[in-house]
Amino acid sequence: MVGKITSVRRDEEGYLFDPDDWSRELAAALAREESLQLADEHWLVLEFIRDYHAEHSITPDIRHVAKYLGEQVGRDKKAGKALIFELFPYGYVKQACKIAGMKRPRAWSTG
């Protein structure tokens, strides 16, 4: 897997230049760089981000992901957001978006 992660173009912060280079295997390797072991709830978030991006051509704002995740795990939006930060402790942009293969959103903080 190390060869795979070095074979894709990434910026200086590790975000993919081209979201189409993403794969589940690459996501697992990116997660390992972040010291994360991906579980089912991580995949819910990552796949939602990917699907939203495919449909809207933009990375979803965390509020959309929080609402979706909350619904999927039987919680409300506020609890969904808290769960995102449990799953991705260094933040939605820093970890979730990066592992989902998104380009780093320009105007967002690292939240």
N, C-alpha and C. Protein backbone atom coordinates (compact mmCIF):
# COMPACT_ATOMS: atom_id res chain seq x y z
N MET A 1 0.83 -1.21 0.00
CA MET A 1 0.00 0.00 0.00
C MET A 1 0.86 1.25 0.00
N VAL A 2 2.05 1.17 0.53
CA VAL A 2 2.89 2.36 0.55
C VAL A 2 3.11 2.87 -0.86
N GLY A 3 3.33 1.99 -1.85
CA GLY A 3 3.50 2.40 -3.23
C GLY A 3 2.28 3.13 -3.76
N LYS A 4 1.11 2.67 -3.40
CA LYS A 4 -0.13 3.29 -3.87
C LYS A 4 -0.25 4.72 -3.37
N ILE A 5 0.05 4.96 -2.13
CA ILE A 5 -0.12 6.30 -1.57
C ILE A 5 0.91 7.27 -2.16
N THR A 6 2.08 6.77 -2.54
CA THR A 6 3.06 7.66 -3.14
C THR A 6 2.82 7.83 -4.63
N SER A 7 1.95 7.02 -5.22
CA SER A 7 1.71 7.12 -6.66
C SER A 7 0.63 8.14 -7.02
N VAL A 8 -0.02 8.74 -6.03
CA VAL A 8 -1.04 9.75 -6.30
C VAL A 8 -0.47 11.13 -5.95
N ARG A 9 -0.89 12.12 -6.71
CA ARG A 9 -0.41 13.49 -6.46
C ARG A 9 -1.16 14.08 -5.27
N ARG A 10 -0.38 14.62 -4.33
CA ARG A 10 -0.95 15.27 -3.16
C ARG A 10 -0.27 16.61 -2.95
N ASP A 11 -1.00 17.53 -2.29
CA ASP A 11 -0.40 18.82 -1.99
C ASP A 11 0.51 18.70 -0.77
N GLU A 12 1.10 19.81 -0.35
CA GLU A 12 2.06 19.78 0.76
C GLU A 12 1.43 19.37 2.09
N GLU A 13 0.11 19.44 2.20
CA GLU A 13 -0.57 19.02 3.43
C GLU A 13 -1.12 17.60 3.32
N GLY A 14 -0.96 16.96 2.17
CA GLY A 14 -1.38 15.58 2.00
C GLY A 14 -2.74 15.38 1.36
N TYR A 15 -3.40 16.46 0.94
CA TYR A 15 -4.69 16.35 0.27
C TYR A 15 -4.48 15.96 -1.19
N LEU A 16 -5.38 15.18 -1.75
CA LEU A 16 -5.28 14.80 -3.15
C LEU A 16 -5.50 16.00 -4.07
N PHE A 17 -4.75 16.05 -5.14
CA PHE A 17 -5.00 17.06 -6.17
C PHE A 17 -6.25 16.70 -6.97
N ASP A 18 -6.47 15.40 -7.16
CA ASP A 18 -7.59 14.94 -7.97
C ASP A 18 -8.42 13.94 -7.16
N PRO A 19 -9.63 14.32 -6.73
CA PRO A 19 -10.48 13.40 -5.96
C PRO A 19 -10.78 12.08 -6.68
N ASP A 20 -10.63 12.06 -8.01
CA ASP A 20 -10.87 10.82 -8.76
C ASP A 20 -9.77 9.78 -8.53
N ASP A 21 -8.65 10.17 -7.93
CA ASP A 21 -7.59 9.23 -7.59
C ASP A 21 -7.92 8.39 -6.37
N TRP A 22 -8.99 8.72 -5.67
CA TRP A 22 -9.36 8.08 -4.41
C TRP A 22 -9.82 6.64 -4.61
N SER A 23 -9.54 5.82 -3.63
CA SER A 23 -10.07 4.46 -3.53
C SER A 23 -10.19 4.12 -2.05
N ARG A 24 -10.92 3.07 -1.75
CA ARG A 24 -11.04 2.65 -0.35
C ARG A 24 -9.66 2.26 0.21
N GLU A 25 -8.85 1.64 -0.61
CA GLU A 25 -7.51 1.25 -0.17
C GLU A 25 -6.66 2.48 0.13
N LEU A 26 -6.76 3.49 -0.73
CA LEU A 26 -6.03 4.73 -0.48
C LEU A 26 -6.54 5.39 0.80
N ALA A 27 -7.85 5.38 1.00
CA ALA A 27 -8.43 5.96 2.22
C ALA A 27 -7.85 5.29 3.46
N ALA A 28 -7.75 3.97 3.42
CA ALA A 28 -7.19 3.24 4.56
C ALA A 28 -5.74 3.65 4.81
N ALA A 29 -4.97 3.84 3.73
CA ALA A 29 -3.58 4.27 3.87
C ALA A 29 -3.50 5.70 4.42
N LEU A 30 -4.35 6.58 3.91
CA LEU A 30 -4.38 7.96 4.44
C LEU A 30 -4.77 7.97 5.91
N ALA A 31 -5.71 7.12 6.27
CA ALA A 31 -6.13 7.03 7.68
C ALA A 31 -4.96 6.56 8.55
N ARG A 32 -4.21 5.59 8.06
CA ARG A 32 -3.04 5.13 8.83
C ARG A 32 -2.05 6.26 9.05
N GLU A 33 -1.87 7.14 8.06
CA GLU A 33 -1.00 8.30 8.24
C GLU A 33 -1.50 9.20 9.37
N GLU A 34 -2.81 9.20 9.57
CA GLU A 34 -3.43 10.01 10.62
C GLU A 34 -3.60 9.22 11.92
N SER A 35 -3.04 8.02 11.97
CA SER A 35 -3.13 7.12 13.13
C SER A 35 -4.58 6.73 13.44
N LEU A 36 -5.36 6.54 12.37
CA LEU A 36 -6.76 6.12 12.52
C LEU A 36 -6.96 4.75 11.90
N GLN A 37 -7.75 3.94 12.57
CA GLN A 37 -8.20 2.65 12.04
C GLN A 37 -9.66 2.85 11.66
N LEU A 38 -9.99 2.72 10.39
CA LEU A 38 -11.35 3.01 9.93
C LEU A 38 -12.34 1.92 10.32
N ALA A 39 -13.42 2.36 10.96
CA ALA A 39 -14.52 1.48 11.35
C ALA A 39 -15.76 1.86 10.52
N ASP A 40 -16.84 1.15 10.71
CA ASP A 40 -18.06 1.38 9.92
C ASP A 40 -18.54 2.83 9.96
N GLU A 41 -18.49 3.47 11.13
CA GLU A 41 -18.95 4.86 11.22
C GLU A 41 -18.05 5.81 10.44
N HIS A 42 -16.75 5.53 10.40
CA HIS A 42 -15.85 6.33 9.56
C HIS A 42 -16.28 6.24 8.10
N TRP A 43 -16.58 5.01 7.67
CA TRP A 43 -16.96 4.79 6.27
C TRP A 43 -18.26 5.50 5.94
N LEU A 44 -19.20 5.57 6.89
CA LEU A 44 -20.43 6.33 6.65
C LEU A 44 -20.10 7.77 6.28
N VAL A 45 -19.20 8.37 7.04
CA VAL A 45 -18.80 9.75 6.80
C VAL A 45 -18.08 9.88 5.46
N LEU A 46 -17.10 9.03 5.24
CA LEU A 46 -16.29 9.11 4.02
C LEU A 46 -17.14 8.90 2.77
N GLU A 47 -18.01 7.92 2.80
CA GLU A 47 -18.85 7.65 1.64
C GLU A 47 -19.87 8.76 1.40
N PHE A 48 -20.39 9.36 2.48
CA PHE A 48 -21.30 10.50 2.31
C PHE A 48 -20.56 11.66 1.64
N ILE A 49 -19.36 11.96 2.11
CA ILE A 49 -18.57 13.05 1.52
C ILE A 49 -18.35 12.77 0.03
N ARG A 50 -17.96 11.55 -0.30
CA ARG A 50 -17.71 11.18 -1.70
C ARG A 50 -18.97 11.30 -2.54
N ASP A 51 -20.08 10.77 -2.03
CA ASP A 51 -21.34 10.82 -2.77
C ASP A 51 -21.82 12.25 -2.96
N TYR A 52 -21.71 13.06 -1.92
CA TYR A 52 -22.13 14.46 -2.00
C TYR A 52 -21.28 15.20 -3.04
N HIS A 53 -19.98 14.96 -2.99
CA HIS A 53 -19.09 15.59 -3.95
C HIS A 53 -19.43 15.16 -5.38
N ALA A 54 -19.71 13.89 -5.58
CA ALA A 54 -20.06 13.39 -6.91
C ALA A 54 -21.34 14.05 -7.43
N GLU A 55 -22.29 14.28 -6.54
CA GLU A 55 -23.57 14.86 -6.94
C GLU A 55 -23.52 16.38 -7.11
N HIS A 56 -22.77 17.07 -6.24
CA HIS A 56 -22.80 18.54 -6.21
C HIS A 56 -21.50 19.21 -6.68
N SER A 57 -20.48 18.42 -6.90
CA SER A 57 -19.16 18.92 -7.33
C SER A 57 -18.50 19.84 -6.31
N ILE A 58 -18.86 19.72 -5.06
CA ILE A 58 -18.22 20.44 -3.96
C ILE A 58 -18.14 19.52 -2.75
N THR A 59 -17.24 19.85 -1.85
CA THR A 59 -17.13 19.12 -0.59
C THR A 59 -18.25 19.59 0.33
N PRO A 60 -18.97 18.66 0.95
CA PRO A 60 -20.07 19.10 1.82
C PRO A 60 -19.58 19.81 3.07
N ASP A 61 -20.35 20.80 3.49
CA ASP A 61 -20.09 21.47 4.76
C ASP A 61 -20.36 20.46 5.88
N ILE A 62 -19.70 20.62 6.99
CA ILE A 62 -19.83 19.68 8.09
C ILE A 62 -21.28 19.54 8.56
N ARG A 63 -22.08 20.58 8.44
CA ARG A 63 -23.46 20.49 8.92
C ARG A 63 -24.26 19.43 8.16
N HIS A 64 -23.97 19.26 6.86
CA HIS A 64 -24.65 18.23 6.07
C HIS A 64 -24.22 16.83 6.51
N VAL A 65 -22.93 16.70 6.76
CA VAL A 65 -22.40 15.42 7.19
C VAL A 65 -22.92 15.07 8.58
N ALA A 66 -22.97 16.05 9.47
CA ALA A 66 -23.46 15.83 10.84
C ALA A 66 -24.91 15.39 10.83
N LYS A 67 -25.72 16.02 10.02
CA LYS A 67 -27.13 15.64 9.92
C LYS A 67 -27.26 14.20 9.41
N TYR A 68 -26.55 13.89 8.35
CA TYR A 68 -26.59 12.54 7.78
C TYR A 68 -26.11 11.49 8.79
N LEU A 69 -24.96 11.74 9.40
CA LEU A 69 -24.42 10.78 10.36
C LEU A 69 -25.35 10.60 11.54
N GLY A 70 -25.89 11.70 12.05
CA GLY A 70 -26.84 11.61 13.15
C GLY A 70 -28.02 10.72 12.80
N GLU A 71 -28.57 10.91 11.59
CA GLU A 71 -29.70 10.09 11.15
C GLU A 71 -29.31 8.62 11.05
N GLN A 72 -28.12 8.34 10.55
CA GLN A 72 -27.67 6.97 10.35
C GLN A 72 -27.46 6.21 11.66
N VAL A 73 -27.07 6.92 12.70
CA VAL A 73 -26.79 6.25 13.97
C VAL A 73 -27.86 6.51 15.02
N GLY A 74 -28.99 7.09 14.58
CA GLY A 74 -30.10 7.30 15.50
C GLY A 74 -29.89 8.43 16.49
N ARG A 75 -29.18 9.46 16.07
CA ARG A 75 -28.93 10.62 16.92
C ARG A 75 -29.37 11.87 16.18
N ASP A 76 -29.33 13.01 16.87
CA ASP A 76 -29.66 14.27 16.20
C ASP A 76 -28.40 14.86 15.56
N LYS A 77 -28.59 15.98 14.88
CA LYS A 77 -27.50 16.63 14.16
C LYS A 77 -26.36 17.05 15.09
N LYS A 78 -26.70 17.58 16.26
CA LYS A 78 -25.67 18.01 17.22
C LYS A 78 -24.83 16.82 17.68
N ALA A 79 -25.49 15.72 17.96
CA ALA A 79 -24.75 14.51 18.36
C ALA A 79 -23.96 13.95 17.19
N GLY A 80 -24.51 14.09 15.97
CA GLY A 80 -23.78 13.66 14.78
C GLY A 80 -22.48 14.43 14.62
N LYS A 81 -22.52 15.74 14.88
CA LYS A 81 -21.31 16.55 14.79
C LYS A 81 -20.30 16.14 15.85
N ALA A 82 -20.78 15.90 17.06
CA ALA A 82 -19.87 15.45 18.12
C ALA A 82 -19.22 14.12 17.75
N LEU A 83 -20.00 13.23 17.12
CA LEU A 83 -19.46 11.94 16.71
C LEU A 83 -18.40 12.11 15.62
N ILE A 84 -18.59 13.05 14.72
CA ILE A 84 -17.56 13.30 13.70
C ILE A 84 -16.23 13.61 14.36
N PHE A 85 -16.26 14.43 15.42
CA PHE A 85 -15.01 14.80 16.10
C PHE A 85 -14.47 13.68 16.99
N GLU A 86 -15.32 12.73 17.36
CA GLU A 86 -14.80 11.53 18.03
C GLU A 86 -14.08 10.65 17.01
N LEU A 87 -14.69 10.52 15.83
CA LEU A 87 -14.12 9.67 14.78
C LEU A 87 -12.87 10.28 14.17
N PHE A 88 -12.88 11.60 14.00
CA PHE A 88 -11.79 12.34 13.36
C PHE A 88 -11.34 13.43 14.33
N PRO A 89 -10.56 13.06 15.35
CA PRO A 89 -10.24 13.99 16.43
C PRO A 89 -9.48 15.25 16.03
N TYR A 90 -8.81 15.23 14.90
CA TYR A 90 -8.10 16.44 14.46
C TYR A 90 -8.93 17.28 13.52
N GLY A 91 -10.20 16.94 13.36
CA GLY A 91 -11.12 17.79 12.64
C GLY A 91 -11.65 17.24 11.33
N TYR A 92 -12.76 17.82 10.95
CA TYR A 92 -13.46 17.41 9.74
C TYR A 92 -12.61 17.65 8.49
N VAL A 93 -12.05 18.84 8.35
CA VAL A 93 -11.24 19.14 7.17
C VAL A 93 -9.91 18.41 7.24
N LYS A 94 -9.23 18.49 8.37
CA LYS A 94 -7.89 17.92 8.51
C LYS A 94 -7.87 16.41 8.30
N GLN A 95 -8.90 15.71 8.76
CA GLN A 95 -8.87 14.27 8.64
C GLN A 95 -9.97 13.71 7.74
N ALA A 96 -11.22 14.03 7.99
CA ALA A 96 -12.31 13.42 7.22
C ALA A 96 -12.22 13.78 5.74
N CYS A 97 -12.09 15.05 5.44
CA CYS A 97 -12.03 15.48 4.04
C CYS A 97 -10.77 14.93 3.36
N LYS A 98 -9.66 14.95 4.07
CA LYS A 98 -8.41 14.44 3.49
C LYS A 98 -8.53 12.95 3.19
N ILE A 99 -9.03 12.18 4.13
CA ILE A 99 -9.14 10.73 3.95
C ILE A 99 -10.18 10.39 2.88
N ALA A 100 -11.20 11.25 2.73
CA ALA A 100 -12.22 11.05 1.70
C ALA A 100 -11.70 11.44 0.31
N GLY A 101 -10.49 11.97 0.24
CA GLY A 101 -9.88 12.29 -1.04
C GLY A 101 -10.25 13.64 -1.61
N MET A 102 -10.75 14.52 -0.78
CA MET A 102 -11.12 15.85 -1.25
C MET A 102 -9.89 16.75 -1.33
N LYS A 103 -9.97 17.76 -2.18
CA LYS A 103 -8.96 18.82 -2.15
C LYS A 103 -9.21 19.62 -0.88
N ARG A 104 -8.18 20.24 -0.35
CA ARG A 104 -8.37 21.05 0.85
C ARG A 104 -9.24 22.24 0.51
N PRO A 105 -10.39 22.37 1.20
CA PRO A 105 -11.26 23.52 0.95
C PRO A 105 -10.53 24.80 1.29
N ARG A 106 -10.52 25.77 0.38
CA ARG A 106 -9.74 27.00 0.53
C ARG A 106 -10.22 27.89 1.68
N ALA A 107 -11.50 28.09 1.80
CA ALA A 107 -12.02 29.09 2.73
C ALA A 107 -12.34 28.52 4.11
N TRP A 108 -12.09 27.24 4.32
CA TRP A 108 -12.47 26.62 5.58
C TRP A 108 -11.32 26.64 6.57
N SER A 109 -11.70 26.64 7.83
CA SER A 109 -10.69 26.45 8.88
C SER A 109 -10.36 24.97 8.92
N THR A 110 -9.54 24.56 9.83
CA THR A 110 -9.20 23.14 9.94
C THR A 110 -10.20 22.38 10.78
N GLY A 111 -11.35 23.00 11.13
CA GLY A 111 -12.37 22.37 11.94
C GLY A 111 -12.98 21.16 11.35
